[in-house]
Amino acid sequence: MRLLVTGGLGFIGANFVRSVLDDAEVTVVDALKYGSNESNLKGLDYCLVKGDICDYALMAQLVKDTDAIVNFAAETHVDRSIASPLSFVESNVIGVFTILEAMRKVNPETRLIHVGTDEVYGDIETGSFSETDTLTPSSPYSASKAAADMFVLAYARTYGLDTVITRCTNNYGPYQFPEKLVPKSIIRAAMNLKLPIYGAGENVRDWIFVTDHGAAIRFVLEKGERGEIYNIAGGEERTNFEVVTEILSLLDKPNLIEFVEDRPGHDLRYSLDSSKLQKLGWRPRHNFKAGLRETVAWYVENEWWWAPLIDDRVLHPTPWKLEW
């Protein structure tokens, strides 16, 4: 299979690429923005194209020679979207539109797996969201991802394109950009710095190990029905306080937790019902404790990878300060 992976140098994309290299000829297109890192795929046999998915000429050229596209390319950090939302519209909406236009005009037979997020549903106090529930995004990030989903669905219906949407819960694991909760907490704890948690740390997320997410995407690529949406969940809900406390315990560190002012529009709880995908045969393999233990060990052993990425946002985080 000739596989085009957009955003393949990012956290989830790179882990996915690692899992398919034995079975596919992989081309990665990546704009090499802050969340991307060539070290994520260092030494592996793949083709890298440095470019932006908003570049129609480039995407038309790449789509022409591919059997399937997996779109990971996105601006993802909620705090950054609150501070500076325009780049999220450009990457997450215009970029997806550009991919769809290239497919429509150049290679309408190719399959697109569009990697979405649980955040498009908004929060839920009890129960779990199914694929047919209404989208109520709370941040510029989730709004841009919801808009992208709508374009994917519209192009599938209007032009008959072979598209599938996945929506996944919070990922953790190796190669995650240090601004995110899990790697930031591991790194700051290793440096004996305070670990900032929004509000009272009661916000709940469902956590999935990144390789389980990748396996689900591959499963959908091979067995998912065109035009469908599939939720992907680890079934491991934790409060932010519980996540950080477990990290401190694994590192044998004292209580370094520091509660800070909550961010605007912070959803209280995300939860997805992934029974639709599980009925097809997919299951996550990692429980949270085992996956987090593996993650902490990886960061402890791979300072060479994360040390060059440490910047002021990690050392002195004031994440959602508005940039007018």
Foldseek 3Di string as FASTA:
>chain_A
DEEEEEPLQADLNVLLCVVCVVPYAYEYEYCPPLRGDPVSQPPDDHHYDHDALLPLVVLLVVVLPGQEYEYPWADADQLVCLQPVPVRLCRLPSSLVSNLVSCLPRPQNHEYEYEAALQQQFADDDDADEPPHDGDHQTSNSVSRVNSVVSQLCSCVPRVGFYEYEYEWAEAAPSHQCLDQLNLLLVCVVVVAAREDEDPQQAKTFYAYSNLVSVLSVCCVVDNGGSYYAYYTQPAMDGSVVSSVLSCVLVVHDHRYDYDHHDPRDGRYHHHDRVVSVVVPRHGDDHPNVRSNNRSVVCVVPCVVRVVSDDCCSVPNPRNDHDD
